[in-house]
N, C-alpha and C. Protein backbone atom coordinates (compact mmCIF):
# COMPACT_ATOMS: atom_id res chain seq x y z
N MET A 1 96.33 126.28 83.18
CA MET A 1 96.01 125.12 83.81
C MET A 1 95.01 125.30 85.01
N ASN A 2 95.83 126.54 85.76
CA ASN A 2 95.02 126.73 87.10
C ASN A 2 93.73 127.51 86.99
N LEU A 3 93.71 128.39 85.89
CA LEU A 3 92.34 129.06 85.35
C LEU A 3 91.47 127.95 84.98
N LEU A 4 91.90 127.11 84.14
CA LEU A 4 90.90 126.04 83.81
C LEU A 4 90.28 125.27 84.75
N VAL A 5 91.11 124.79 85.83
CA VAL A 5 90.56 124.01 86.88
C VAL A 5 89.66 124.87 87.77
N PHE A 6 90.21 126.12 88.00
CA PHE A 6 89.32 127.02 89.01
C PHE A 6 87.97 127.34 88.20
N PHE A 7 88.09 127.61 86.66
CA PHE A 7 86.73 127.61 86.15
C PHE A 7 85.82 126.58 86.12
N LEU A 8 86.57 125.38 85.89
CA LEU A 8 85.72 123.85 85.92
C LEU A 8 85.30 123.79 87.29
N ALA A 9 85.62 124.14 88.22
CA ALA A 9 85.17 124.02 89.82
C ALA A 9 83.98 124.77 89.99
N PHE A 10 83.60 125.69 89.12
CA PHE A 10 82.19 126.51 88.98
C PHE A 10 81.17 125.24 88.61
N PHE A 11 81.53 124.33 87.99
CA PHE A 11 80.40 123.43 87.43
C PHE A 11 80.88 121.92 87.74
N LEU A 12 81.96 121.57 88.22
CA LEU A 12 82.20 120.21 88.42
C LEU A 12 82.61 120.10 90.06
N ASP A 13 82.18 119.03 90.84
CA ASP A 13 82.56 118.81 91.81
C ASP A 13 84.12 118.30 92.03
N PHE A 14 84.76 118.28 93.18
CA PHE A 14 85.98 117.87 93.23
C PHE A 14 86.16 116.40 92.91
N PHE A 15 85.24 115.57 92.90
CA PHE A 15 85.67 114.32 92.53
C PHE A 15 85.52 114.24 91.07
N GLU A 16 84.74 114.85 90.33
CA GLU A 16 84.71 114.79 88.83
C GLU A 16 85.95 115.40 88.49
N LEU A 17 86.53 116.59 88.98
CA LEU A 17 87.68 117.14 88.57
C LEU A 17 88.89 116.22 88.77
N SER A 18 89.07 115.61 89.91
CA SER A 18 90.04 114.71 90.18
C SER A 18 90.24 113.53 89.40
N PHE A 19 89.07 112.88 88.89
CA PHE A 19 88.77 111.72 88.07
C PHE A 19 88.84 111.82 86.51
N ILE A 20 88.52 113.00 86.12
CA ILE A 20 88.41 113.39 84.62
C ILE A 20 89.48 114.33 84.42
N VAL A 21 89.62 115.54 84.86
CA VAL A 21 90.62 116.39 84.56
C VAL A 21 92.07 116.12 84.94
N VAL A 22 92.28 115.75 86.19
CA VAL A 22 93.76 115.34 86.44
C VAL A 22 94.47 114.34 85.74
N PRO A 23 93.71 113.15 85.41
CA PRO A 23 94.18 112.48 84.35
C PRO A 23 94.67 112.86 83.07
N LEU A 24 93.86 113.85 82.52
CA LEU A 24 94.30 114.41 81.34
C LEU A 24 95.43 115.52 81.62
N LEU A 25 95.59 115.99 82.70
CA LEU A 25 96.50 117.07 82.96
C LEU A 25 98.13 116.40 83.48
N GLY A 26 97.88 115.31 84.18
CA GLY A 26 98.94 114.73 84.80
C GLY A 26 100.21 114.44 83.79
N PRO A 27 99.77 113.60 82.66
CA PRO A 27 100.84 113.19 81.85
C PRO A 27 101.44 114.45 81.14
N VAL A 28 100.58 115.44 80.85
CA VAL A 28 101.31 116.37 80.26
C VAL A 28 102.18 117.31 81.07
N ALA A 29 101.86 117.39 82.45
CA ALA A 29 102.79 117.98 83.17
C ALA A 29 104.08 117.05 83.36
N GLU A 30 103.84 115.87 83.47
CA GLU A 30 105.06 114.94 83.33
C GLU A 30 105.91 114.94 82.23
N LYS A 31 105.41 115.02 81.26
CA LYS A 31 106.23 115.18 79.89
C LYS A 31 106.79 116.63 79.88
N LEU A 32 106.32 117.82 80.45
CA LEU A 32 107.06 119.02 80.53
C LEU A 32 108.13 118.97 81.73
N GLY A 33 108.01 117.99 82.55
CA GLY A 33 109.27 117.77 83.23
C GLY A 33 108.78 118.66 84.76
N ILE A 34 107.59 118.81 84.76
CA ILE A 34 107.00 119.36 86.25
C ILE A 34 107.31 118.39 87.33
N ASP A 35 107.47 118.74 88.60
CA ASP A 35 107.54 117.88 89.54
C ASP A 35 106.11 117.80 90.05
N LEU A 36 105.86 116.36 89.86
CA LEU A 36 104.31 115.74 89.89
C LEU A 36 103.85 116.04 91.43
N ILE A 37 104.85 115.95 92.44
CA ILE A 37 104.17 116.07 93.74
C ILE A 37 103.82 117.86 94.08
N TRP A 38 104.55 118.64 93.54
CA TRP A 38 104.36 120.00 93.30
C TRP A 38 103.04 120.28 92.57
N PHE A 39 102.98 119.65 91.58
CA PHE A 39 101.81 119.69 90.46
C PHE A 39 100.47 119.20 91.15
N GLY A 40 100.61 118.05 91.98
CA GLY A 40 99.37 117.52 92.75
C GLY A 40 98.93 118.24 93.72
N VAL A 41 99.85 118.80 94.45
CA VAL A 41 99.47 119.86 95.55
C VAL A 41 98.82 121.08 95.13
N LEU A 42 99.35 121.61 93.98
CA LEU A 42 98.88 122.82 93.31
C LEU A 42 97.48 122.54 92.85
N LEU A 43 97.15 121.42 92.38
CA LEU A 43 95.89 121.05 91.76
C LEU A 43 94.84 121.02 92.90
N GLY A 44 95.49 120.22 94.10
CA GLY A 44 94.52 120.00 95.13
C GLY A 44 94.15 121.31 96.13
N VAL A 45 95.16 122.40 96.03
CA VAL A 45 94.73 123.53 96.64
C VAL A 45 93.79 124.18 95.71
N ASN A 46 93.96 124.30 94.44
CA ASN A 46 93.08 124.84 93.44
C ASN A 46 91.75 124.28 93.58
N MET A 47 91.48 123.04 93.72
CA MET A 47 90.37 122.38 93.66
C MET A 47 89.71 122.42 95.00
N GLN A 48 90.26 122.64 95.97
CA GLN A 48 89.71 123.02 97.35
C GLN A 48 88.70 124.06 97.11
N THR A 49 88.93 125.00 96.35
CA THR A 49 88.04 126.07 96.06
C THR A 49 86.70 125.63 95.59
N SER A 50 86.42 124.57 95.06
CA SER A 50 85.30 124.15 94.67
C SER A 50 84.27 123.77 95.80
N PHE A 51 84.82 123.57 96.73
CA PHE A 51 84.20 123.50 98.21
C PHE A 51 83.44 124.67 98.55
N MET A 52 84.10 125.81 98.34
CA MET A 52 83.69 127.24 99.03
C MET A 52 83.02 128.09 97.92
N HIS A 53 82.89 127.78 96.57
CA HIS A 53 82.10 128.83 95.91
C HIS A 53 80.87 128.21 95.31
N PRO A 54 79.93 128.86 94.83
CA PRO A 54 78.78 128.53 94.39
C PRO A 54 79.16 128.08 92.82
N PRO A 55 78.38 127.35 92.27
CA PRO A 55 77.15 126.55 92.57
C PRO A 55 77.35 125.32 93.20
N PHE A 56 78.51 124.68 93.03
CA PHE A 56 78.81 123.48 93.95
C PHE A 56 79.55 123.58 95.10
N GLY A 57 79.41 124.63 95.89
CA GLY A 57 80.14 124.77 97.05
C GLY A 57 79.49 123.90 98.23
N PHE A 58 80.12 122.53 98.20
CA PHE A 58 79.22 121.84 99.11
C PHE A 58 79.56 122.18 100.65
N ALA A 59 80.77 122.87 100.98
CA ALA A 59 80.97 123.41 102.32
C ALA A 59 79.72 124.49 102.53
N LEU A 60 79.35 125.26 101.46
CA LEU A 60 78.28 126.33 101.72
C LEU A 60 77.02 125.47 102.06
N PHE A 61 76.64 124.40 101.21
CA PHE A 61 75.42 123.86 101.45
C PHE A 61 75.27 123.00 102.96
N TYR A 62 76.60 122.64 103.32
CA TYR A 62 76.75 122.09 104.71
C TYR A 62 76.30 123.22 105.75
N LEU A 63 76.94 124.41 105.57
CA LEU A 63 76.61 125.77 106.46
C LEU A 63 75.19 125.88 106.36
N ARG A 64 74.66 125.78 105.10
CA ARG A 64 73.17 126.15 105.07
C ARG A 64 72.35 125.29 106.02
N SER A 65 72.66 123.92 105.86
CA SER A 65 71.91 122.96 106.67
C SER A 65 71.89 123.08 107.99
N VAL A 66 73.01 123.82 108.54
CA VAL A 66 73.10 123.92 110.09
C VAL A 66 72.64 125.57 110.58
N ALA A 67 72.76 126.38 109.64
CA ALA A 67 72.44 127.73 110.03
C ALA A 67 70.84 127.92 110.21
N PRO A 68 70.47 128.78 111.05
CA PRO A 68 68.92 128.94 111.40
C PRO A 68 68.34 129.49 110.18
N THR A 69 67.06 129.00 109.84
CA THR A 69 66.24 129.81 108.90
C THR A 69 65.33 130.58 109.44
N SER A 70 64.97 130.56 110.56
CA SER A 70 64.20 131.48 111.31
C SER A 70 64.89 131.91 112.78
N ALA A 71 64.31 133.03 113.20
CA ALA A 71 64.71 133.46 114.35
C ALA A 71 64.48 132.52 115.51
N TYR A 72 65.41 132.50 116.41
CA TYR A 72 65.30 131.52 117.39
C TYR A 72 65.84 131.94 118.79
N LYS A 73 65.32 131.58 119.96
CA LYS A 73 65.86 132.04 121.34
C LYS A 73 66.74 130.94 121.63
N ASP A 74 68.10 131.21 122.08
CA ASP A 74 68.84 130.47 122.69
C ASP A 74 68.66 130.04 124.22
N SER A 75 68.73 129.01 124.29
CA SER A 75 68.23 128.60 125.70
C SER A 75 69.14 128.97 126.91
N GLN A 76 70.36 128.98 126.54
CA GLN A 76 71.36 129.17 127.55
C GLN A 76 71.46 130.75 127.63
N SER A 77 71.61 131.60 126.74
CA SER A 77 71.68 133.01 127.17
C SER A 77 70.60 133.88 127.15
N GLY A 78 69.39 133.32 126.18
CA GLY A 78 68.09 133.91 126.33
C GLY A 78 68.17 134.84 124.98
N LYS A 79 69.12 135.19 124.38
CA LYS A 79 69.23 136.04 123.33
C LYS A 79 68.58 135.31 122.01
N VAL A 80 67.63 136.33 121.41
CA VAL A 80 67.14 135.93 120.14
C VAL A 80 68.22 136.00 118.97
N THR A 81 68.37 134.97 118.19
CA THR A 81 69.32 134.86 117.17
C THR A 81 68.69 134.99 115.76
N ASP A 82 69.07 136.00 114.87
CA ASP A 82 68.23 136.37 113.65
C ASP A 82 68.86 134.96 112.57
N PRO A 83 67.80 134.77 111.71
CA PRO A 83 68.13 133.75 110.90
C PRO A 83 69.33 134.00 109.75
N VAL A 84 69.87 133.11 109.21
CA VAL A 84 70.95 133.36 108.40
C VAL A 84 70.64 132.98 106.90
N THR A 85 70.87 134.04 105.98
CA THR A 85 70.38 133.54 104.69
C THR A 85 71.50 133.03 103.89
N THR A 86 71.22 132.39 102.74
CA THR A 86 72.15 131.82 101.85
C THR A 86 73.05 132.95 101.33
N GLY A 87 72.42 134.00 100.93
CA GLY A 87 73.40 135.19 100.45
C GLY A 87 74.38 135.53 101.57
N GLN A 88 74.13 135.59 102.58
CA GLN A 88 75.04 135.77 103.75
C GLN A 88 76.19 134.83 104.00
N ILE A 89 75.85 133.45 103.71
CA ILE A 89 76.80 132.36 103.58
C ILE A 89 77.85 132.48 102.54
N TYR A 90 77.02 132.82 101.32
CA TYR A 90 77.83 133.13 100.11
C TYR A 90 78.96 133.95 100.32
N TRP A 91 78.47 135.25 100.76
CA TRP A 91 79.31 136.35 100.86
C TRP A 91 80.30 136.00 101.97
N GLY A 92 80.07 135.23 102.96
CA GLY A 92 81.12 135.00 104.06
C GLY A 92 82.02 134.13 103.51
N ALA A 93 81.85 133.44 102.47
CA ALA A 93 82.98 132.45 101.81
C ALA A 93 84.04 133.30 100.93
N VAL A 94 83.64 134.43 100.73
CA VAL A 94 84.44 135.25 99.65
C VAL A 94 85.95 135.41 100.17
N PRO A 95 86.26 135.72 101.41
CA PRO A 95 87.44 135.94 101.99
C PRO A 95 88.41 134.61 101.97
N PHE A 96 87.69 133.41 102.19
CA PHE A 96 88.26 132.29 102.34
C PHE A 96 88.79 131.90 100.72
N VAL A 97 87.72 131.96 99.83
CA VAL A 97 88.04 131.70 98.43
C VAL A 97 89.31 132.72 98.10
N GLY A 98 89.28 133.81 98.69
CA GLY A 98 90.56 134.74 98.31
C GLY A 98 91.84 134.04 98.87
N ILE A 99 91.67 133.55 100.00
CA ILE A 99 92.84 133.11 100.83
C ILE A 99 93.51 131.84 99.89
N GLN A 100 92.57 131.10 99.34
CA GLN A 100 92.79 129.86 98.48
C GLN A 100 93.58 130.34 97.26
N ILE A 101 93.06 131.35 96.67
CA ILE A 101 93.63 131.91 95.42
C ILE A 101 95.12 132.62 95.73
N ILE A 102 95.24 133.24 97.00
CA ILE A 102 96.61 133.57 97.38
C ILE A 102 97.46 132.43 97.68
N MET A 103 96.96 131.37 98.19
CA MET A 103 97.84 130.12 98.43
C MET A 103 98.33 129.70 96.92
N VAL A 104 97.23 129.63 96.24
CA VAL A 104 97.81 129.05 94.77
C VAL A 104 98.86 129.79 94.23
N ALA A 105 98.67 131.22 94.40
CA ALA A 105 99.76 132.07 93.76
C ALA A 105 101.07 131.87 94.71
N LEU A 106 101.06 131.60 95.95
CA LEU A 106 102.28 131.32 96.71
C LEU A 106 102.99 129.96 96.31
N ILE A 107 102.18 129.07 96.01
CA ILE A 107 102.70 127.78 95.54
C ILE A 107 103.39 128.04 94.33
N ILE A 108 102.88 128.56 93.37
CA ILE A 108 103.33 128.99 92.17
C ILE A 108 104.73 129.68 92.20
N ALA A 109 104.56 130.65 93.09
CA ALA A 109 105.72 131.70 93.23
C ALA A 109 106.91 130.92 94.13
N PHE A 110 106.63 130.10 94.94
CA PHE A 110 107.65 129.59 95.93
C PHE A 110 107.32 128.19 95.94
N PRO A 111 107.90 127.50 95.00
CA PRO A 111 107.61 125.97 94.91
C PRO A 111 108.28 125.13 96.07
N GLN A 112 109.32 125.80 96.67
CA GLN A 112 109.91 124.99 97.78
C GLN A 112 109.15 124.82 98.94
N LEU A 113 107.68 125.69 98.94
CA LEU A 113 106.59 125.42 99.98
C LEU A 113 106.23 124.15 99.93
N VAL A 114 106.20 123.37 98.93
CA VAL A 114 105.80 122.16 98.84
C VAL A 114 106.97 121.12 98.81
N GLY A 115 107.45 121.16 100.04
CA GLY A 115 108.75 120.25 100.18
C GLY A 115 108.40 118.86 100.37
N HIS A 116 109.23 117.92 99.75
CA HIS A 116 109.12 116.81 99.93
C HIS A 116 110.47 115.98 100.03
N ASP A 117 110.75 114.87 100.85
CA ASP A 117 111.98 114.27 100.85
C ASP A 117 112.28 113.51 99.59
N LYS A 118 113.56 113.84 99.20
CA LYS A 118 113.73 113.19 97.94
C LYS A 118 114.77 111.96 98.50
N PRO A 119 115.08 110.81 97.93
CA PRO A 119 115.80 109.89 98.19
C PRO A 119 117.32 110.43 98.45
N ALA A 120 117.85 109.88 99.62
CA ALA A 120 119.22 110.43 99.98
C ALA A 120 120.25 109.76 99.12
N ASP A 121 121.33 110.46 98.58
CA ASP A 121 122.45 110.09 97.77
C ASP A 121 123.46 109.20 98.81
N THR A 122 123.58 107.94 98.62
CA THR A 122 124.43 107.04 99.49
C THR A 122 125.73 107.21 98.89
N GLY A 123 126.03 107.73 97.67
CA GLY A 123 127.52 107.76 97.32
C GLY A 123 127.69 106.72 96.53
N GLY A 124 126.95 105.77 96.26
CA GLY A 124 126.91 104.52 95.67
C GLY A 124 127.26 103.27 96.57
N ALA A 125 127.28 103.70 98.09
CA ALA A 125 127.39 102.71 99.03
C ALA A 125 125.89 102.05 99.19
N GLU A 126 125.94 100.67 99.23
CA GLU A 126 124.87 100.01 99.39
C GLU A 126 124.99 99.02 100.32
N ILE A 127 123.93 98.85 101.33
CA ILE A 127 124.06 97.88 102.43
C ILE A 127 123.08 96.81 102.21
N ASP A 128 123.58 95.64 102.24
CA ASP A 128 122.99 94.49 101.69
C ASP A 128 122.55 93.81 103.26
N ILE A 129 121.22 94.03 103.67
CA ILE A 129 120.92 93.73 104.87
C ILE A 129 120.81 92.07 105.14
N GLN A 130 120.52 91.52 104.04
CA GLN A 130 120.71 89.89 104.17
C GLN A 130 122.06 89.47 104.55
N GLN A 131 123.00 90.20 103.77
CA GLN A 131 124.34 89.66 104.03
C GLN A 131 124.72 90.02 105.47
N MET A 132 124.62 91.24 105.76
CA MET A 132 124.86 91.41 107.19
C MET A 132 124.12 90.56 108.34
N LEU A 133 122.79 90.24 108.13
CA LEU A 133 122.14 89.28 109.04
C LEU A 133 122.66 87.80 109.02
N GLN A 134 123.18 87.54 107.67
CA GLN A 134 123.82 86.09 107.44
C GLN A 134 125.29 85.93 108.20
N GLN A 135 125.93 87.28 108.19
CA GLN A 135 127.21 87.31 108.83
C GLN A 135 127.12 87.25 110.32
N ASP A 136 126.17 87.89 110.87
CA ASP A 136 125.87 87.95 112.38
C ASP A 136 125.19 86.55 112.69
N ALA A 137 124.77 85.96 111.96
CA ALA A 137 124.35 84.52 112.23
C ALA A 137 125.32 83.60 112.04
N ASP A 138 126.38 83.90 111.16
CA ASP A 138 127.46 82.98 111.37
C ASP A 138 128.42 82.94 112.44
N LYS A 139 128.40 84.25 112.88
CA LYS A 139 129.23 84.56 114.12
C LYS A 139 128.97 83.83 115.21
N THR A 140 127.34 83.95 115.46
CA THR A 140 126.76 83.33 116.48
C THR A 140 126.74 81.77 116.51
N THR A 141 126.60 81.07 115.29
CA THR A 141 126.54 79.80 115.21
C THR A 141 127.85 79.06 114.77
N GLY A 142 128.75 79.85 114.56
CA GLY A 142 130.06 79.21 113.97
C GLY A 142 130.17 78.70 112.70
N ASP A 143 129.36 79.13 111.69
CA ASP A 143 129.26 78.52 110.57
C ASP A 143 130.04 79.53 109.58
N ALA A 144 130.96 80.49 110.10
CA ALA A 144 131.74 81.27 109.22
C ALA A 144 132.69 80.38 108.12
N ALA A 145 133.23 80.96 107.34
CA ALA A 145 134.20 80.26 106.39
C ALA A 145 135.26 79.72 107.41
N PRO A 146 135.54 78.42 107.18
CA PRO A 146 136.61 77.90 107.78
C PRO A 146 138.08 78.57 107.62
N SER A 147 138.58 78.77 108.89
CA SER A 147 140.04 79.37 108.70
C SER A 147 140.97 78.17 108.70
N SER A 148 142.17 78.54 108.50
CA SER A 148 143.27 77.46 108.44
C SER A 148 143.78 77.11 109.62
N ALA A 149 143.51 78.07 110.80
CA ALA A 149 143.95 77.44 112.12
C ALA A 149 142.98 76.92 112.77
N PRO A 150 143.37 75.70 113.39
CA PRO A 150 142.38 75.05 114.17
C PRO A 150 141.78 75.72 115.43
N GLN A 151 140.64 75.45 115.66
CA GLN A 151 139.87 76.34 116.75
C GLN A 151 139.90 75.27 117.97
N ASP A 152 140.27 76.04 118.92
CA ASP A 152 140.31 75.04 120.17
C ASP A 152 139.18 75.83 121.21
N ASP A 153 137.98 75.10 121.28
CA ASP A 153 137.02 75.82 121.76
C ASP A 153 136.59 75.15 123.19
N ASP A 154 136.22 76.14 124.20
CA ASP A 154 136.00 75.26 125.43
C ASP A 154 134.75 74.71 125.35
N ALA A 155 134.29 74.12 126.40
CA ALA A 155 132.76 73.35 126.40
C ALA A 155 131.74 74.23 126.26
N LEU A 156 131.74 75.24 126.98
CA LEU A 156 130.51 76.39 126.81
C LEU A 156 130.38 76.77 125.41
N THR A 157 131.67 77.30 124.91
CA THR A 157 131.28 78.01 123.38
C THR A 157 130.95 76.49 122.53
N LYS A 158 131.34 75.47 122.69
CA LYS A 158 130.75 74.30 121.80
C LYS A 158 129.52 74.17 121.99
N ALA A 159 128.98 74.16 123.17
CA ALA A 159 127.63 73.94 123.61
C ALA A 159 126.81 75.04 122.84
N ILE A 160 127.28 76.23 122.98
CA ILE A 160 126.38 77.27 122.30
C ILE A 160 126.17 77.16 120.89
N ARG A 161 127.38 76.77 120.18
CA ARG A 161 127.52 76.68 118.78
C ARG A 161 126.45 75.38 118.39
N ASP A 162 126.55 74.41 119.18
CA ASP A 162 125.82 73.26 118.87
C ASP A 162 124.14 73.63 118.98
N ALA A 163 123.95 74.33 120.09
CA ALA A 163 122.50 74.83 120.43
C ALA A 163 122.00 75.57 119.19
N GLY A 164 122.78 76.66 118.54
CA GLY A 164 122.52 77.39 117.57
C GLY A 164 122.13 76.40 116.30
N LYS A 165 122.97 75.47 116.10
CA LYS A 165 122.78 74.84 114.84
C LYS A 165 121.50 73.48 115.09
N GLY A 166 120.85 73.59 116.27
CA GLY A 166 119.81 72.65 116.55
C GLY A 166 120.26 71.43 117.14
N ASN A 167 121.42 71.13 117.32
CA ASN A 167 122.00 70.12 117.94
C ASN A 167 121.99 70.17 119.75
N LYS A 168 121.30 69.20 120.09
CA LYS A 168 121.43 69.27 121.58
C LYS A 168 122.19 68.16 122.25
């Protein structure tokens, strides 16, 4: 799969790969029980190489657009800078493509590098936030379940309870 994506990156851009190839490979990976987050990161790192190698290495074309095509004199230092050829840009990208390939190999060899948080196991304990909020509201407004013992409230407590109920 990685070799296929790497080979297709020579002819297809990142967007074509991500919108055509990934929807074909994703369900297969899911059926095989592959962790989809790991799979997505692996594909992303692999597809990054399409930015750095010809013929559709858009990063190389961006460099070509800013690299000098003819010799020029730097206004600050007074040095004459030689032009940069497209071949020099392509050869300069080789180490970075190598780094990408090494990274793909590391992700395959050590999947724990692509760590993500899995939901915590609560041991079956669930917290009902609405129930907790209702209990707090009942405590402040005095709407808790009636107890068998009569309540003797002082005037301040009664006024607070009535204000919480909307009675003034």
